[in-house]
Amino acid sequence: MTEREFEQLYGRKPYKKRVRYKIYWGRIFIAVIILVLIIYLIVKAVSGLISIIKNTGSSDSSSASAAAAVSQAQSEDRDSAKSSKTKKQESAAADKIADGALTVCIDAGHGGYDAGTTDMTGLRQEKADTLEAALKIKAELEKIGVTVVMTREDDTALEHSERCAAANDAKADMFVSIHRSSSDRDYQGVEVWVNNAKPEYDVMLAGNILSALREVGISEDRGVQFGYVGNSSVNYYVNADTVMPSCIVELGFLSSDLDNELFDEHIDEYAAAAARAIVKTAKETGLLDSSGKRTDPEQLISKEKEINGGSEDSSQADEQQGDENNGYGEQTDGEVYNTQENEAYDPSQDADYYTEDTLYY
């Protein structure tokens, strides 16, 4: 029976039975927890995905930045190298002189049967080192445009007079003799010897060479020395009998492992430094102008030297000492020989001379 039929029959609407539903709160609680956990996991997953995307972008950006930094560093290195090369080229250009505007005599000390001093093993000889250095200086000077006169270019023994004559006859403007020292004591470093009259140009030449070598790197700057080791009242033969500015460069001690290491490592740089110093001196004396052109056709002369009518200190004492030993220094009892110029020197003549150690030059 329908609701309408019931109402027509009984005159009222039928009563509806209320359905009661049972609420399972435990299930609802569990469902809520599960839902929250699902939402949490979804949020974490999304967050992780976003983080991955960001990190990827950041990594790409970092890689790009790193690449850019590396590229910039490489560019700066290239610029620095280019700048350094440019500066070297500019320096070389500044040193460049008119071909033949300057004549320099380079003397490689010792030679032939005169080996000079040796290292502690006795195998490394001064004559070989001096020739190597002298030839490299020659090459560097010729690059600049200097005319170079060599006293020797091979293993040949020469008298002092021959060395001086080579320079004087060629009308060289400067004379640079290359040597190495040795000592029984722990000495090291570079020193340069000039005439004891302290001629202006000689001192200038020695100072410039020493300064240039110091910039390259030497164990010790032993300064510019005057006269003869142990006796400043006399001179080394080549500093007395050459008419032009001259000096003897003691390029470190053969008895020093450090000096030998520096010599081997920097020999090319030493040669280039010496060449620059020689040209610098020529300009400072006024022999060359700033552009490298010669200003005076006459040979550069060291006026203060006795041979040019200067001071009265004589090379005769120096020559006599050499003659006492036939011009070549052999060590005997009571004598200390100076390998620098193959000359013997009797320490009894100078009470202040080294008595506890022997210094060879």
Protein backbone atom coordinates (compact mmCIF):
# COMPACT_ATOMS: atom_id res chain seq x y z
CA MET A 1 0.00 0.00 0.00
CA THR A 2 1.16 3.37 -0.87
CA GLU A 3 1.40 6.25 1.50
CA ARG A 4 -1.56 7.91 -0.19
CA GLU A 5 -3.76 4.80 0.07
CA PHE A 6 -2.80 4.49 3.74
CA GLU A 7 -3.80 8.07 4.37
CA GLN A 8 -7.22 7.57 2.59
CA LEU A 9 -7.88 4.41 4.58
CA TYR A 10 -6.77 5.55 8.04
CA GLY A 11 -7.10 9.29 7.72
CA ARG A 12 -3.48 9.92 8.64
CA LYS A 13 -0.07 9.56 7.29
CA PRO A 14 1.76 6.48 8.18
CA TYR A 15 4.49 6.68 10.77
CA LYS A 16 7.96 6.37 9.34
CA LYS A 17 10.42 4.20 11.14
CA ARG A 18 13.61 6.05 11.96
CA VAL A 19 16.73 4.24 10.92
CA ARG A 20 19.57 4.61 13.40
CA TYR A 21 23.09 4.34 12.13
CA LYS A 22 25.96 3.10 14.27
CA ILE A 23 29.03 5.31 14.21
CA TYR A 24 32.35 3.47 14.35
CA TRP A 25 34.60 6.13 15.89
CA GLY A 26 37.61 3.89 16.02
CA ARG A 27 37.48 3.31 12.30
CA ILE A 28 37.02 7.03 11.68
CA PHE A 29 40.09 7.80 13.88
CA ILE A 30 42.19 5.27 12.02
CA ALA A 31 40.98 6.65 8.69
CA VAL A 32 41.85 10.19 9.77
CA ILE A 33 45.33 9.09 10.81
CA ILE A 34 45.81 7.29 7.51
CA LEU A 35 44.59 10.37 5.63
CA VAL A 36 46.95 12.65 7.55
CA LEU A 37 49.83 10.26 6.89
CA ILE A 38 48.99 10.17 3.19
CA ILE A 39 48.83 13.96 3.04
CA TYR A 40 52.16 14.15 4.92
CA LEU A 41 53.79 11.75 2.51
CA ILE A 42 52.40 13.61 -0.47
CA VAL A 43 53.68 16.91 0.92
CA LYS A 44 57.14 15.37 1.55
CA ALA A 45 57.21 13.89 -1.93
CA VAL A 46 56.24 17.18 -3.51
CA SER A 47 58.75 19.03 -1.32
CA GLY A 48 61.47 16.54 -2.26
CA LEU A 49 60.62 16.91 -5.93
CA ILE A 50 60.76 20.68 -5.68
CA SER A 51 64.07 20.43 -3.81
CA ILE A 52 65.49 18.16 -6.51
CA ILE A 53 64.34 20.58 -9.19
CA LYS A 54 65.88 23.51 -7.29
CA ASN A 55 69.12 21.64 -6.63
CA THR A 56 69.35 20.70 -10.27
CA GLY A 57 68.87 24.32 -11.22
CA SER A 58 71.32 25.43 -8.54
CA SER A 59 73.84 22.81 -9.65
CA ASP A 60 73.49 23.94 -13.21
CA SER A 61 73.87 27.51 -12.04
CA SER A 62 76.88 26.58 -9.87
CA SER A 63 78.41 24.64 -12.74
CA ALA A 64 77.80 27.58 -14.99
CA SER A 65 79.28 29.91 -12.36
CA ALA A 66 82.24 27.59 -11.84
CA ALA A 67 82.74 27.31 -15.56
CA ALA A 68 82.48 31.07 -15.83
CA ALA A 69 84.98 31.47 -12.97
CA VAL A 70 87.39 29.02 -14.57
CA SER A 71 86.95 30.75 -17.90
CA GLN A 72 87.56 34.11 -16.27
CA ALA A 73 90.62 32.78 -14.42
CA GLN A 74 91.97 31.33 -17.65
CA SER A 75 91.26 34.61 -19.38
CA GLU A 76 93.05 36.49 -16.59
CA ASP A 77 95.99 34.07 -16.80
CA ARG A 78 96.14 34.61 -20.55
CA ASP A 79 95.91 38.36 -20.02
CA SER A 80 98.59 38.15 -17.31
CA ALA A 81 100.83 36.03 -19.50
CA LYS A 82 100.18 38.36 -22.41
CA SER A 83 100.90 41.37 -20.19
CA SER A 84 104.07 39.70 -18.88
CA LYS A 85 105.12 38.85 -22.42
CA THR A 86 104.35 42.38 -23.51
CA LYS A 87 106.38 43.79 -20.63
CA LYS A 88 109.29 41.50 -21.52
CA GLN A 89 109.01 42.56 -25.14
CA GLU A 90 108.88 46.21 -24.07
CA SER A 91 111.88 45.63 -21.80
CA ALA A 92 113.75 43.90 -24.61
CA ALA A 93 112.83 46.75 -26.92
CA ALA A 94 114.08 49.24 -24.34
CA ASP A 95 117.38 47.34 -24.09
CA LYS A 96 117.75 47.04 -27.85
CA ILE A 97 120.45 49.29 -29.23
CA ALA A 98 121.69 50.23 -32.66
CA ASP A 99 123.78 47.37 -34.04
CA GLY A 100 127.46 47.95 -33.34
CA ALA A 101 126.80 50.98 -31.11
CA LEU A 102 128.50 49.26 -28.17
CA THR A 103 131.46 46.88 -27.98
CA VAL A 104 131.95 44.69 -24.91
CA CYS A 105 134.68 42.17 -24.09
CA ILE A 106 133.55 39.11 -22.13
CA ASP A 107 136.30 37.12 -20.45
CA ALA A 108 135.71 33.52 -19.40
CA GLY A 109 138.15 33.01 -16.54
CA HIS A 110 140.79 30.26 -16.65
CA GLY A 111 140.84 27.59 -19.37
CA GLY A 112 143.02 24.81 -20.68
CA TYR A 113 145.41 23.44 -18.09
CA ASP A 114 144.31 26.23 -15.74
CA ALA A 115 141.10 24.70 -14.37
CA GLY A 116 140.59 27.32 -11.68
CA THR A 117 138.96 26.16 -8.48
CA THR A 118 136.64 23.16 -8.11
CA ASP A 119 133.67 22.03 -6.07
CA MET A 120 134.10 19.71 -3.08
CA THR A 121 134.11 16.62 -5.32
CA GLY A 122 136.89 18.03 -7.46
CA LEU A 123 134.89 17.14 -10.58
CA ARG A 124 133.20 20.46 -11.26
CA GLN A 125 135.77 22.94 -12.56
CA GLU A 126 135.60 26.70 -12.58
CA LYS A 127 136.87 26.99 -16.16
CA ALA A 128 133.81 25.10 -17.47
CA ASP A 129 131.28 27.18 -15.55
CA THR A 130 132.89 30.47 -16.53
CA LEU A 131 132.90 29.51 -20.21
CA GLU A 132 129.25 28.44 -20.09
CA ALA A 133 128.22 31.73 -18.44
CA ALA A 134 130.39 33.86 -20.75
CA LEU A 135 128.97 32.28 -23.91
CA LYS A 136 125.40 32.81 -22.69
CA ILE A 137 126.14 36.45 -21.87
CA LYS A 138 127.61 36.82 -25.37
CA ALA A 139 124.42 35.42 -26.91
CA GLU A 140 122.22 37.76 -24.84
CA LEU A 141 124.33 40.81 -25.74
CA GLU A 142 124.25 39.99 -29.42
CA LYS A 143 120.45 39.73 -29.27
CA ILE A 144 120.39 43.33 -28.08
CA GLY A 145 122.76 44.51 -30.81
CA VAL A 146 126.03 44.64 -28.87
CA THR A 147 129.30 43.75 -30.59
CA VAL A 148 130.96 41.11 -28.40
CA VAL A 149 134.67 40.29 -28.18
CA MET A 150 135.45 37.01 -26.40
CA THR A 151 138.83 36.29 -24.82
CA ARG A 152 138.13 32.58 -25.32
CA GLU A 153 135.27 30.50 -26.69
CA ASP A 154 136.73 27.08 -25.97
CA ASP A 155 138.91 25.33 -23.40
CA THR A 156 142.03 27.42 -24.04
CA ALA A 157 144.56 28.74 -21.53
CA LEU A 158 145.41 32.45 -21.80
CA GLU A 159 147.91 34.77 -20.17
CA HIS A 160 146.53 37.83 -18.38
CA SER A 161 148.20 40.08 -20.92
CA GLU A 162 146.38 38.27 -23.74
CA ARG A 163 143.02 38.85 -22.09
CA CYS A 164 143.70 42.55 -21.63
CA ALA A 165 145.10 42.89 -25.14
CA ALA A 166 141.98 41.32 -26.62
CA ALA A 167 139.86 44.02 -25.02
CA ASN A 168 142.24 46.94 -25.56
CA ASP A 169 142.99 46.10 -29.20
CA ALA A 170 139.29 45.76 -30.01
CA LYS A 171 138.67 49.15 -28.36
CA ALA A 172 135.96 47.58 -26.23
CA ASP A 173 133.86 49.97 -24.16
CA MET A 174 133.60 47.56 -21.22
CA PHE A 175 135.35 44.45 -19.96
CA VAL A 176 133.53 41.84 -17.84
CA SER A 177 135.44 38.84 -16.52
CA ILE A 178 133.45 35.84 -15.26
CA HIS A 179 134.75 33.73 -12.37
CA ARG A 180 133.54 31.60 -9.48
CA SER A 181 134.83 31.54 -5.91
CA SER A 182 135.65 28.76 -3.47
CA SER A 183 136.35 28.58 0.24
CA ASP A 184 137.25 26.09 2.96
CA ARG A 185 134.49 27.69 5.00
CA ASP A 186 130.74 27.86 4.51
CA TYR A 187 130.75 30.95 2.31
CA GLN A 188 128.26 31.67 -0.43
CA GLY A 189 127.05 34.52 -2.62
CA VAL A 190 128.05 36.80 -5.46
CA GLU A 191 130.54 39.67 -5.38
CA VAL A 192 132.08 41.91 -8.02
CA TRP A 193 135.67 43.22 -7.96
CA VAL A 194 136.83 46.51 -9.46
CA ASN A 195 140.00 48.60 -9.51
CA ASN A 196 140.93 49.99 -6.09
CA ALA A 197 140.92 53.54 -7.49
CA LYS A 198 137.13 53.08 -7.50
CA PRO A 199 136.64 54.45 -11.02
CA GLU A 200 133.17 55.90 -11.47
CA TYR A 201 132.20 53.85 -14.51
CA ASP A 202 133.74 50.63 -13.17
CA VAL A 203 131.79 50.94 -9.92
CA MET A 204 128.64 51.75 -11.88
CA LEU A 205 129.09 48.68 -14.07
CA ALA A 206 129.76 46.41 -11.08
CA GLY A 207 126.80 47.77 -9.13
CA ASN A 208 124.40 47.39 -12.04
CA ILE A 209 125.46 43.80 -12.69
CA LEU A 210 125.19 42.87 -9.02
CA SER A 211 121.77 44.52 -8.73
CA ALA A 212 120.50 42.70 -11.83
CA LEU A 213 121.74 39.34 -10.55
CA ARG A 214 120.14 39.99 -7.17
CA GLU A 215 116.78 40.52 -8.87
CA VAL A 216 117.08 37.09 -10.49
CA GLY A 217 117.99 35.42 -7.22
CA ILE A 218 121.34 34.81 -5.53
CA SER A 219 122.16 33.25 -2.16
CA GLU A 220 123.88 36.38 -0.82
CA ASP A 221 124.91 39.81 -2.05
CA ARG A 222 128.56 40.14 -1.02
CA GLY A 223 128.81 43.60 -2.55
CA VAL A 224 131.23 45.45 -4.78
CA GLN A 225 134.84 44.82 -3.68
CA PHE A 226 137.93 46.88 -4.43
CA GLY A 227 141.51 45.84 -5.17
CA TYR A 228 142.66 42.29 -4.47
CA VAL A 229 141.34 39.76 -1.97
CA GLY A 230 143.21 40.26 1.30
CA ASN A 231 145.11 43.27 -0.02
CA SER A 232 143.23 46.26 -1.37
CA SER A 233 146.47 48.11 -2.16
CA VAL A 234 146.93 46.11 -5.38
CA ASN A 235 144.62 45.11 -8.20
CA TYR A 236 143.81 42.08 -10.26
CA TYR A 237 145.66 42.17 -13.54
CA VAL A 238 142.59 42.54 -15.75
CA ASN A 239 141.22 45.39 -13.62
CA ALA A 240 144.54 47.22 -13.85
CA ASP A 241 145.65 46.72 -17.45
CA THR A 242 142.39 47.21 -19.33
CA VAL A 243 141.79 50.81 -20.36
CA MET A 244 138.00 50.61 -20.30
CA PRO A 245 135.64 50.17 -17.32
CA SER A 246 136.10 46.63 -16.07
CA CYS A 247 134.98 44.25 -13.36
CA ILE A 248 135.39 40.65 -12.25
CA VAL A 249 132.09 38.93 -11.46
CA GLU A 250 132.43 36.11 -8.92
CA LEU A 251 129.28 34.20 -9.80
CA GLY A 252 128.85 32.28 -6.57
CA PHE A 253 131.04 29.78 -4.69
CA LEU A 254 131.83 26.43 -6.25
CA SER A 255 132.26 25.16 -2.69
CA SER A 256 128.59 25.99 -1.97
CA ASP A 257 125.95 23.46 -3.00
CA LEU A 258 123.34 26.23 -2.93
CA ASP A 259 125.36 28.49 -5.22
CA ASN A 260 125.92 25.61 -7.63
CA GLU A 261 122.21 24.84 -7.64
CA LEU A 262 121.33 28.49 -8.28
CA PHE A 263 123.97 28.72 -11.00
CA ASP A 264 122.54 25.70 -12.83
CA GLU A 265 118.93 26.80 -12.37
CA HIS A 266 119.32 30.48 -13.28
CA ILE A 267 122.30 30.59 -15.65
CA ASP A 268 120.15 31.80 -18.57
CA GLU A 269 118.54 34.46 -16.38
CA TYR A 270 121.93 35.50 -14.99
CA ALA A 271 123.23 35.95 -18.54
CA ALA A 272 120.22 38.05 -19.57
CA ALA A 273 120.51 40.12 -16.37
CA ALA A 274 124.20 40.80 -16.97
CA ALA A 275 123.49 41.85 -20.55
CA ARG A 276 120.77 44.27 -19.43
CA ALA A 277 123.07 45.70 -16.77
CA ILE A 278 125.84 46.31 -19.31
CA VAL A 279 123.52 48.22 -21.65
CA LYS A 280 122.06 50.12 -18.70
CA THR A 281 125.57 51.19 -17.71
CA ALA A 282 126.32 52.33 -21.26
CA LYS A 283 123.25 54.58 -21.13
CA GLU A 284 124.01 55.88 -17.63
CA THR A 285 127.53 56.85 -18.65
CA GLY A 286 126.05 58.77 -21.58
CA LEU A 287 127.82 56.60 -24.14
CA LEU A 288 124.38 55.63 -25.51
CA ASP A 289 121.26 57.75 -25.57
CA SER A 290 117.87 56.49 -24.39
CA SER A 291 117.10 55.10 -27.84
CA GLY A 292 120.32 53.06 -27.89
CA LYS A 293 122.24 55.24 -30.33
CA ARG A 294 125.89 56.02 -29.66
CA THR A 295 126.58 59.59 -28.63
CA ASP A 296 130.40 59.52 -28.70
CA PRO A 297 132.47 57.80 -31.39
CA GLU A 298 135.43 57.47 -29.01
CA GLN A 299 136.01 54.38 -26.89
CA LEU A 300 134.70 54.54 -23.33
CA ILE A 301 137.73 54.98 -21.06
CA SER A 302 138.10 54.51 -17.31
CA LYS A 303 139.96 57.72 -16.57
CA GLU A 304 140.79 56.93 -12.95
CA LYS A 305 142.85 53.85 -13.81
CA GLU A 306 146.61 54.25 -13.64
CA ILE A 307 146.99 52.96 -17.20
CA ASN A 308 144.99 56.01 -18.30
CA GLY A 309 146.96 58.41 -16.12
CA GLY A 310 144.79 58.03 -13.06
CA SER A 311 145.66 56.95 -9.52
CA GLU A 312 149.12 55.65 -8.72
CA ASP A 313 148.18 52.23 -7.41
CA SER A 314 150.05 49.89 -9.71
CA SER A 315 149.34 46.66 -11.49
CA GLN A 316 153.08 45.93 -11.21
CA ALA A 317 152.63 44.44 -7.74
CA ASP A 318 149.86 42.30 -9.11
CA GLU A 319 151.95 41.25 -12.09
CA GLN A 320 154.94 40.54 -9.88
CA GLN A 321 152.87 38.25 -7.68
CA GLY A 322 151.78 36.36 -10.77
CA ASP A 323 155.35 36.12 -12.06
CA GLU A 324 156.50 34.63 -8.76
CA ASN A 325 154.38 31.65 -9.66
CA ASN A 326 155.05 31.69 -13.40
CA GLY A 327 151.76 33.50 -13.92
CA TYR A 328 149.67 30.62 -12.64
CA GLY A 329 148.71 30.03 -9.07
CA GLU A 330 149.76 26.78 -7.50
CA GLN A 331 149.05 26.42 -3.81
CA THR A 332 152.19 25.90 -1.73
CA ASP A 333 152.93 26.00 1.98
CA GLY A 334 152.41 29.50 3.31
CA GLU A 335 150.57 30.67 0.20
CA VAL A 336 146.95 31.13 -0.73
CA TYR A 337 146.35 31.20 -4.45
CA ASN A 338 143.64 33.22 -6.05
CA THR A 339 142.09 31.29 -8.90
CA GLN A 340 140.44 34.46 -10.10
CA GLU A 341 143.55 35.53 -11.97
CA ASN A 342 145.91 32.63 -11.29
CA GLU A 343 148.01 34.73 -8.96
CA ALA A 344 149.73 33.70 -5.73
CA TYR A 345 149.48 35.88 -2.66
CA ASP A 346 151.67 35.53 0.41
CA PRO A 347 149.52 36.14 3.53
CA SER A 348 152.64 37.07 5.51
CA GLN A 349 152.55 40.39 3.63
CA ASP A 350 149.23 41.21 5.25
CA ALA A 351 148.69 40.46 8.93
CA ASP A 352 144.96 40.94 8.55
CA TYR A 353 144.66 38.31 5.84
CA TYR A 354 142.59 35.19 6.43
CA THR A 355 144.52 32.94 8.81
CA GLU A 356 141.87 30.39 9.84
CA ASP A 357 140.46 29.60 6.44
CA THR A 358 141.48 29.66 2.84
CA LEU A 359 139.50 31.66 0.32
CA TYR A 360 139.96 30.82 -3.35
CA TYR A 361 138.81 33.07 -6.16
